[in-house]
Amino acid sequence: LGISRHAVYDLLAEGELGGIRLGNAYRIPK
């Protein structure tokens, strides 16, 4: 997406983009 790490975490936290949290890491279905 050409965005910052912080922006990715914002998208995940806001529910804009669904991901799976495994321990302290996220995995996002393409």
PDB file of all heavy atoms in Angstrom:
ATOM      1  N   LEU A   1       0.801  -1.221   0.000  1.00  0.00           N
ATOM      2  CA  LEU A   1       0.000   0.000   0.000  1.00  0.00           C
ATOM      3  C   LEU A   1       0.836   1.273   0.000  1.00  0.00           C
ATOM      4  O   LEU A   1       0.297   2.366  -0.154  1.00  0.00           O
ATOM      5  CB  LEU A   1      -0.947   0.006   1.207  1.00  0.00           C
ATOM      6  CG  LEU A   1      -1.959  -1.135   1.270  1.00  0.00           C
ATOM      7  CD1 LEU A   1      -2.840  -0.982   2.499  1.00  0.00           C
ATOM      8  CD2 LEU A   1      -2.796  -1.205   0.007  1.00  0.00           C
ATOM      9  N   GLY A   2       2.137   1.139   0.204  1.00  0.00           N
ATOM     10  CA  GLY A   2       3.006   2.314   0.236  1.00  0.00           C
ATOM     11  C   GLY A   2       2.722   3.216   1.416  1.00  0.00           C
ATOM     12  O   GLY A   2       2.696   4.440   1.290  1.00  0.00           O
ATOM     13  N   ILE A   3       2.496   2.584   2.577  1.00  0.00           N
ATOM     14  CA  ILE A   3       2.178   3.351   3.782  1.00  0.00           C
ATOM     15  C   ILE A   3       3.159   2.996   4.903  1.00  0.00           C
ATOM     16  O   ILE A   3       3.897   2.024   4.806  1.00  0.00           O
ATOM     17  CB  ILE A   3       0.726   3.112   4.246  1.00  0.00           C
ATOM     18  CG1 ILE A   3       0.476   1.639   4.570  1.00  0.00           C
ATOM     19  CG2 ILE A   3      -0.255   3.604   3.183  1.00  0.00           C
ATOM     20  CD1 ILE A   3      -0.920   1.334   5.107  1.00  0.00           C
ATOM     21  N   SER A   4       3.118   3.780   5.950  1.00  0.00           N
ATOM     22  CA  SER A   4       4.023   3.562   7.077  1.00  0.00           C
ATOM     23  C   SER A   4       3.547   2.408   7.956  1.00  0.00           C
ATOM     24  O   SER A   4       2.386   1.999   7.887  1.00  0.00           O
ATOM     25  CB  SER A   4       4.118   4.829   7.927  1.00  0.00           C
ATOM     26  OG  SER A   4       2.901   5.038   8.623  1.00  0.00           O
ATOM     27  N   ARG A   5       4.438   1.932   8.778  1.00  0.00           N
ATOM     28  CA  ARG A   5       4.106   0.874   9.743  1.00  0.00           C
ATOM     29  C   ARG A   5       2.997   1.348  10.681  1.00  0.00           C
ATOM     30  O   ARG A   5       2.057   0.618  10.989  1.00  0.00           O
ATOM     31  CB  ARG A   5       5.378   0.512  10.521  1.00  0.00           C
ATOM     32  CG  ARG A   5       5.215  -0.638  11.457  1.00  0.00           C
ATOM     33  CD  ARG A   5       6.600  -1.034  11.995  1.00  0.00           C
ATOM     34  NE  ARG A   5       6.431  -1.526  13.323  1.00  0.00           N
ATOM     35  CZ  ARG A   5       6.895  -0.964  14.428  1.00  0.00           C
ATOM     36  NH1 ARG A   5       7.617   0.128  14.363  1.00  0.00           N
ATOM     37  NH2 ARG A   5       6.674  -1.486  15.598  1.00  0.00           N
ATOM     38  N   HIS A   6       3.121   2.591  11.113  1.00  0.00           N
ATOM     39  CA  HIS A   6       2.120   3.168  12.005  1.00  0.00           C
ATOM     40  C   HIS A   6       0.741   3.185  11.334  1.00  0.00           C
ATOM     41  O   HIS A   6      -0.274   2.867  11.967  1.00  0.00           O
ATOM     42  CB  HIS A   6       2.538   4.586  12.417  1.00  0.00           C
ATOM     43  CG  HIS A   6       1.619   5.226  13.398  1.00  0.00           C
ATOM     44  ND1 HIS A   6       1.545   4.845  14.711  1.00  0.00           N
ATOM     45  CD2 HIS A   6       0.713   6.222  13.242  1.00  0.00           C
ATOM     46  CE1 HIS A   6       0.639   5.581  15.331  1.00  0.00           C
ATOM     47  NE2 HIS A   6       0.121   6.422  14.455  1.00  0.00           N
ATOM     48  N   ALA A   7       0.699   3.538  10.061  1.00  0.00           N
ATOM     49  CA  ALA A   7      -0.571   3.574   9.324  1.00  0.00           C
ATOM     50  C   ALA A   7      -1.180   2.181   9.216  1.00  0.00           C
ATOM     51  O   ALA A   7      -2.399   2.024   9.318  1.00  0.00           O
ATOM     52  CB  ALA A   7      -0.369   4.175   7.935  1.00  0.00           C
ATOM     53  N   VAL A   8      -0.341   1.164   9.038  1.00  0.00           N
ATOM     54  CA  VAL A   8      -0.840  -0.219   8.992  1.00  0.00           C
ATOM     55  C   VAL A   8      -1.505  -0.573  10.314  1.00  0.00           C
ATOM     56  O   VAL A   8      -2.637  -1.091  10.332  1.00  0.00           O
ATOM     57  CB  VAL A   8       0.297  -1.225   8.686  1.00  0.00           C
ATOM     58  CG1 VAL A   8      -0.185  -2.660   8.886  1.00  0.00           C
ATOM     59  CG2 VAL A   8       0.834  -1.032   7.281  1.00  0.00           C
ATOM     60  N   TYR A   9      -0.830  -0.285  11.410  1.00  0.00           N
ATOM     61  CA  TYR A   9      -1.402  -0.605  12.721  1.00  0.00           C
ATOM     62  C   TYR A   9      -2.682   0.189  12.988  1.00  0.00           C
ATOM     63  O   TYR A   9      -3.606  -0.316  13.631  1.00  0.00           O
ATOM     64  CB  TYR A   9      -0.371  -0.405  13.825  1.00  0.00           C
ATOM     65  CG  TYR A   9       0.645  -1.517  13.863  1.00  0.00           C
ATOM     66  CD1 TYR A   9       1.957  -1.299  13.476  1.00  0.00           C
ATOM     67  CD2 TYR A   9       0.289  -2.807  14.247  1.00  0.00           C
ATOM     68  CE1 TYR A   9       2.897  -2.329  13.496  1.00  0.00           C
ATOM     69  CE2 TYR A   9       1.206  -3.842  14.270  1.00  0.00           C
ATOM     70  CZ  TYR A   9       2.508  -3.590  13.890  1.00  0.00           C
ATOM     71  OH  TYR A   9       3.420  -4.621  13.900  1.00  0.00           O
ATOM     72  N   ASP A  10      -2.757   1.415  12.478  1.00  0.00           N
ATOM     73  CA  ASP A  10      -3.993   2.199  12.607  1.00  0.00           C
ATOM     74  C   ASP A  10      -5.137   1.516  11.860  1.00  0.00           C
ATOM     75  O   ASP A  10      -6.248   1.412  12.384  1.00  0.00           O
ATOM     76  CB  ASP A  10      -3.803   3.621  12.066  1.00  0.00           C
ATOM     77  CG  ASP A  10      -3.022   4.516  13.003  1.00  0.00           C
ATOM     78  OD1 ASP A  10      -2.822   4.141  14.184  1.00  0.00           O
ATOM     79  OD2 ASP A  10      -2.586   5.600  12.549  1.00  0.00           O
ATOM     80  N   LEU A  11      -4.884   1.048  10.633  1.00  0.00           N
ATOM     81  CA  LEU A  11      -5.917   0.364   9.852  1.00  0.00           C
ATOM     82  C   LEU A  11      -6.407  -0.890  10.568  1.00  0.00           C
ATOM     83  O   LEU A  11      -7.609  -1.179  10.596  1.00  0.00           O
ATOM     84  CB  LEU A  11      -5.384  -0.017   8.474  1.00  0.00           C
ATOM     85  CG  LEU A  11      -5.147   1.125   7.486  1.00  0.00           C
ATOM     86  CD1 LEU A  11      -4.457   0.595   6.222  1.00  0.00           C
ATOM     87  CD2 LEU A  11      -6.445   1.812   7.135  1.00  0.00           C
ATOM     88  N   LEU A  12      -5.477  -1.620  11.155  1.00  0.00           N
ATOM     89  CA  LEU A  12      -5.844  -2.840  11.877  1.00  0.00           C
ATOM     90  C   LEU A  12      -6.621  -2.518  13.149  1.00  0.00           C
ATOM     91  O   LEU A  12      -7.640  -3.144  13.438  1.00  0.00           O
ATOM     92  CB  LEU A  12      -4.588  -3.653  12.206  1.00  0.00           C
ATOM     93  CG  LEU A  12      -3.864  -4.266  11.007  1.00  0.00           C
ATOM     94  CD1 LEU A  12      -2.476  -4.746  11.408  1.00  0.00           C
ATOM     95  CD2 LEU A  12      -4.679  -5.396  10.404  1.00  0.00           C
ATOM     96  N   ALA A  13      -6.163  -1.524  13.890  1.00  0.00           N
ATOM     97  CA  ALA A  13      -6.814  -1.166  15.151  1.00  0.00           C
ATOM     98  C   ALA A  13      -8.223  -0.608  14.931  1.00  0.00           C
ATOM     99  O   ALA A  13      -9.125  -0.858  15.732  1.00  0.00           O
ATOM    100  CB  ALA A  13      -5.962  -0.142  15.909  1.00  0.00           C
ATOM    101  N   GLU A  14      -8.399   0.135  13.849  1.00  0.00           N
ATOM    102  CA  GLU A  14      -9.697   0.747  13.559  1.00  0.00           C
ATOM    103  C   GLU A  14     -10.656  -0.219  12.874  1.00  0.00           C
ATOM    104  O   GLU A  14     -11.804   0.126  12.625  1.00  0.00           O
ATOM    105  CB  GLU A  14      -9.498   1.990  12.692  1.00  0.00           C
ATOM    106  CG  GLU A  14      -8.746   3.093  13.416  1.00  0.00           C
ATOM    107  CD  GLU A  14      -8.271   4.194  12.477  1.00  0.00           C
ATOM    108  OE1 GLU A  14      -8.571   4.138  11.264  1.00  0.00           O
ATOM    109  OE2 GLU A  14      -7.591   5.109  12.965  1.00  0.00           O
ATOM    110  N   GLY A  15     -10.178  -1.411  12.529  1.00  0.00           N
ATOM    111  CA  GLY A  15     -11.031  -2.387  11.864  1.00  0.00           C
ATOM    112  C   GLY A  15     -11.235  -2.105  10.387  1.00  0.00           C
ATOM    113  O   GLY A  15     -12.077  -2.725   9.741  1.00  0.00           O
ATOM    114  N   GLU A  16     -10.474  -1.171   9.836  1.00  0.00           N
ATOM    115  CA  GLU A  16     -10.555  -0.868   8.402  1.00  0.00           C
ATOM    116  C   GLU A  16     -10.061  -2.043   7.570  1.00  0.00           C
ATOM    117  O   GLU A  16     -10.503  -2.245   6.445  1.00  0.00           O
ATOM    118  CB  GLU A  16      -9.698   0.359   8.072  1.00  0.00           C
ATOM    119  CG  GLU A  16     -10.228   1.644   8.599  1.00  0.00           C
ATOM    120  CD  GLU A  16     -11.201   2.301   7.640  1.00  0.00           C
ATOM    121  OE1 GLU A  16     -11.112   2.065   6.432  1.00  0.00           O
ATOM    122  OE2 GLU A  16     -12.060   3.030   8.129  1.00  0.00           O
ATOM    123  N   LEU A  17      -9.141  -2.789   8.141  1.00  0.00           N
ATOM    124  CA  LEU A  17      -8.518  -3.911   7.454  1.00  0.00           C
ATOM    125  C   LEU A  17      -8.419  -5.061   8.448  1.00  0.00           C
ATOM    126  O   LEU A  17      -7.858  -4.892   9.526  1.00  0.00           O
ATOM    127  CB  LEU A  17      -7.125  -3.489   6.969  1.00  0.00           C
ATOM    128  CG  LEU A  17      -6.372  -4.425   6.076  1.00  0.00           C
ATOM    129  CD1 LEU A  17      -7.132  -4.719   4.795  1.00  0.00           C
ATOM    130  CD2 LEU A  17      -5.033  -3.805   5.714  1.00  0.00           C
ATOM    131  N   GLY A  18      -8.978  -6.184   8.095  1.00  0.00           N
ATOM    132  CA  GLY A  18      -8.994  -7.320   9.008  1.00  0.00           C
ATOM    133  C   GLY A  18      -7.695  -8.106   8.989  1.00  0.00           C
ATOM    134  O   GLY A  18      -7.147  -8.382   7.927  1.00  0.00           O
ATOM    135  N   GLY A  19      -7.203  -8.416  10.164  1.00  0.00           N
ATOM    136  CA  GLY A  19      -5.998  -9.214  10.303  1.00  0.00           C
ATOM    137  C   GLY A  19      -6.129 -10.170  11.470  1.00  0.00           C
ATOM    138  O   GLY A  19      -7.079 -10.096  12.251  1.00  0.00           O
ATOM    139  N   ILE A  20      -5.175 -11.057  11.572  1.00  0.00           N
ATOM    140  CA  ILE A  20      -5.146 -12.053  12.639  1.00  0.00           C
ATOM    141  C   ILE A  20      -3.924 -11.760  13.496  1.00  0.00           C
ATOM    142  O   ILE A  20      -2.809 -11.655  12.977  1.00  0.00           O
ATOM    143  CB  ILE A  20      -5.039 -13.474  12.051  1.00  0.00           C
ATOM    144  CG1 ILE A  20      -6.197 -13.739  11.105  1.00  0.00           C
ATOM    145  CG2 ILE A  20      -4.975 -14.517  13.159  1.00  0.00           C
ATOM    146  CD1 ILE A  20      -5.941 -14.878  10.143  1.00  0.00           C
ATOM    147  N   ARG A  21      -4.129 -11.653  14.786  1.00  0.00           N
ATOM    148  CA  ARG A  21      -2.995 -11.410  15.680  1.00  0.00           C
ATOM    149  C   ARG A  21      -2.499 -12.743  16.212  1.00  0.00           C
ATOM    150  O   ARG A  21      -3.247 -13.501  16.824  1.00  0.00           O
ATOM    151  CB  ARG A  21      -3.399 -10.508  16.826  1.00  0.00           C
ATOM    152  CG  ARG A  21      -2.204 -10.108  17.637  1.00  0.00           C
ATOM    153  CD  ARG A  21      -2.525  -8.999  18.576  1.00  0.00           C
ATOM    154  NE  ARG A  21      -1.289  -8.644  19.256  1.00  0.00           N
ATOM    155  CZ  ARG A  21      -1.119  -7.571  19.956  1.00  0.00           C
ATOM    156  NH1 ARG A  21      -2.109  -6.734  20.094  1.00  0.00           N
ATOM    157  NH2 ARG A  21       0.031  -7.319  20.538  1.00  0.00           N
ATOM    158  N   LEU A  22      -1.235 -13.013  15.987  1.00  0.00           N
ATOM    159  CA  LEU A  22      -0.574 -14.225  16.471  1.00  0.00           C
ATOM    160  C   LEU A  22       0.565 -13.794  17.382  1.00  0.00           C
ATOM    161  O   LEU A  22       1.602 -13.350  16.904  1.00  0.00           O
ATOM    162  CB  LEU A  22      -0.031 -15.054  15.306  1.00  0.00           C
ATOM    163  CG  LEU A  22      -1.078 -15.533  14.286  1.00  0.00           C
ATOM    164  CD1 LEU A  22      -0.388 -16.152  13.083  1.00  0.00           C
ATOM    165  CD2 LEU A  22      -2.016 -16.521  14.935  1.00  0.00           C
ATOM    166  N   GLY A  23       0.336 -13.896  18.678  1.00  0.00           N
ATOM    167  CA  GLY A  23       1.340 -13.399  19.623  1.00  0.00           C
ATOM    168  C   GLY A  23       1.422 -11.893  19.493  1.00  0.00           C
ATOM    169  O   GLY A  23       0.423 -11.195  19.625  1.00  0.00           O
ATOM    170  N   ASN A  24       2.599 -11.392  19.169  1.00  0.00           N
ATOM    171  CA  ASN A  24       2.754  -9.945  19.010  1.00  0.00           C
ATOM    172  C   ASN A  24       2.860  -9.536  17.538  1.00  0.00           C
ATOM    173  O   ASN A  24       3.253  -8.428  17.229  1.00  0.00           O
ATOM    174  CB  ASN A  24       3.970  -9.439  19.790  1.00  0.00           C
ATOM    175  CG  ASN A  24       5.266 -10.017  19.266  1.00  0.00           C
ATOM    176  OD1 ASN A  24       5.264 -10.935  18.450  1.00  0.00           O
ATOM    177  ND2 ASN A  24       6.371  -9.481  19.735  1.00  0.00           N
ATOM    178  N   ALA A  25       2.496 -10.430  16.627  1.00  0.00           N
ATOM    179  CA  ALA A  25       2.582 -10.147  15.192  1.00  0.00           C
ATOM    180  C   ALA A  25       1.204 -10.289  14.546  1.00  0.00           C
ATOM    181  O   ALA A  25       0.362 -11.049  15.009  1.00  0.00           O
ATOM    182  CB  ALA A  25       3.560 -11.099  14.537  1.00  0.00           C
ATOM    183  N   TYR A  26       1.005  -9.538  13.484  1.00  0.00           N
ATOM    184  CA  TYR A  26      -0.226  -9.639  12.708  1.00  0.00           C
ATOM    185  C   TYR A  26       0.045 -10.369  11.402  1.00  0.00           C
ATOM    186  O   TYR A  26       1.113 -10.232  10.808  1.00  0.00           O
ATOM    187  CB  TYR A  26      -0.774  -8.246  12.359  1.00  0.00           C
ATOM    188  CG  TYR A  26      -1.566  -7.616  13.462  1.00  0.00           C
ATOM    189  CD1 TYR A  26      -0.964  -6.747  14.355  1.00  0.00           C
ATOM    190  CD2 TYR A  26      -2.920  -7.882  13.612  1.00  0.00           C
ATOM    191  CE1 TYR A  26      -1.691  -6.141  15.366  1.00  0.00           C
ATOM    192  CE2 TYR A  26      -3.662  -7.290  14.619  1.00  0.00           C
ATOM    193  CZ  TYR A  26      -3.037  -6.421  15.492  1.00  0.00           C
ATOM    194  OH  TYR A  26      -3.765  -5.838  16.486  1.00  0.00           O
ATOM    195  N   ARG A  27      -0.970 -11.095  10.959  1.00  0.00           N
ATOM    196  CA  ARG A  27      -0.978 -11.698   9.636  1.00  0.00           C
ATOM    197  C   ARG A  27      -2.285 -11.248   8.995  1.00  0.00           C
ATOM    198  O   ARG A  27      -3.348 -11.308   9.610  1.00  0.00           O
ATOM    199  CB  ARG A  27      -0.904 -13.225   9.685  1.00  0.00           C
ATOM    200  CG  ARG A  27       0.373 -13.746  10.301  1.00  0.00           C
ATOM    201  CD  ARG A  27       1.585 -13.387   9.444  1.00  0.00           C
ATOM    202  NE  ARG A  27       2.814 -13.907  10.006  1.00  0.00           N
ATOM    203  CZ  ARG A  27       3.673 -13.205  10.735  1.00  0.00           C
ATOM    204  NH1 ARG A  27       3.426 -11.945  11.014  1.00  0.00           N
ATOM    205  NH2 ARG A  27       4.773 -13.750  11.180  1.00  0.00           N
ATOM    206  N   ILE A  28      -2.178 -10.793   7.757  1.00  0.00           N
ATOM    207  CA  ILE A  28      -3.329 -10.231   7.078  1.00  0.00           C
ATOM    208  C   ILE A  28      -3.595 -11.035   5.802  1.00  0.00           C
ATOM    209  O   ILE A  28      -2.715 -11.147   4.948  1.00  0.00           O
ATOM    210  CB  ILE A  28      -3.081  -8.746   6.712  1.00  0.00           C
ATOM    211  CG1 ILE A  28      -2.726  -7.936   7.971  1.00  0.00           C
ATOM    212  CG2 ILE A  28      -4.280  -8.144   6.019  1.00  0.00           C
ATOM    213  CD1 ILE A  28      -1.293  -7.640   8.161  1.00  0.00           C
ATOM    214  N   PRO A  29      -4.793 -11.591   5.670  1.00  0.00           N
ATOM    215  CA  PRO A  29      -5.121 -12.293   4.427  1.00  0.00           C
ATOM    216  C   PRO A  29      -5.080 -11.317   3.245  1.00  0.00           C
ATOM    217  O   PRO A  29      -5.623 -10.204   3.319  1.00  0.00           O
ATOM    218  CB  PRO A  29      -6.545 -12.801   4.661  1.00  0.00           C
ATOM    219  CG  PRO A  29      -6.683 -12.864   6.152  1.00  0.00           C
ATOM    220  CD  PRO A  29      -5.864 -11.713   6.665  1.00  0.00           C
ATOM    221  N   LYS A  30      -4.416 -11.732   2.183  1.00  0.00           N
ATOM    222  CA  LYS A  30      -4.310 -10.876   1.005  1.00  0.00           C
ATOM    223  C   LYS A  30      -5.691 -10.516   0.462  1.00  0.00           C
ATOM    224  O   LYS A  30      -5.890  -9.420  -0.060  1.00  0.00           O
ATOM    225  CB  LYS A  30      -3.459 -11.557  -0.073  1.00  0.00           C
ATOM    226  CG  LYS A  30      -3.171 -10.661  -1.254  1.00  0.00           C
ATOM    227  CD  LYS A  30      -2.108 -11.222  -2.176  1.00  0.00           C
ATOM    228  CE  LYS A  30      -2.588 -12.430  -2.925  1.00  0.00           C
ATOM    229  NZ  LYS A  30      -1.610 -12.864  -3.960  1.00  0.00           N
TER     230      LYS A  30
END
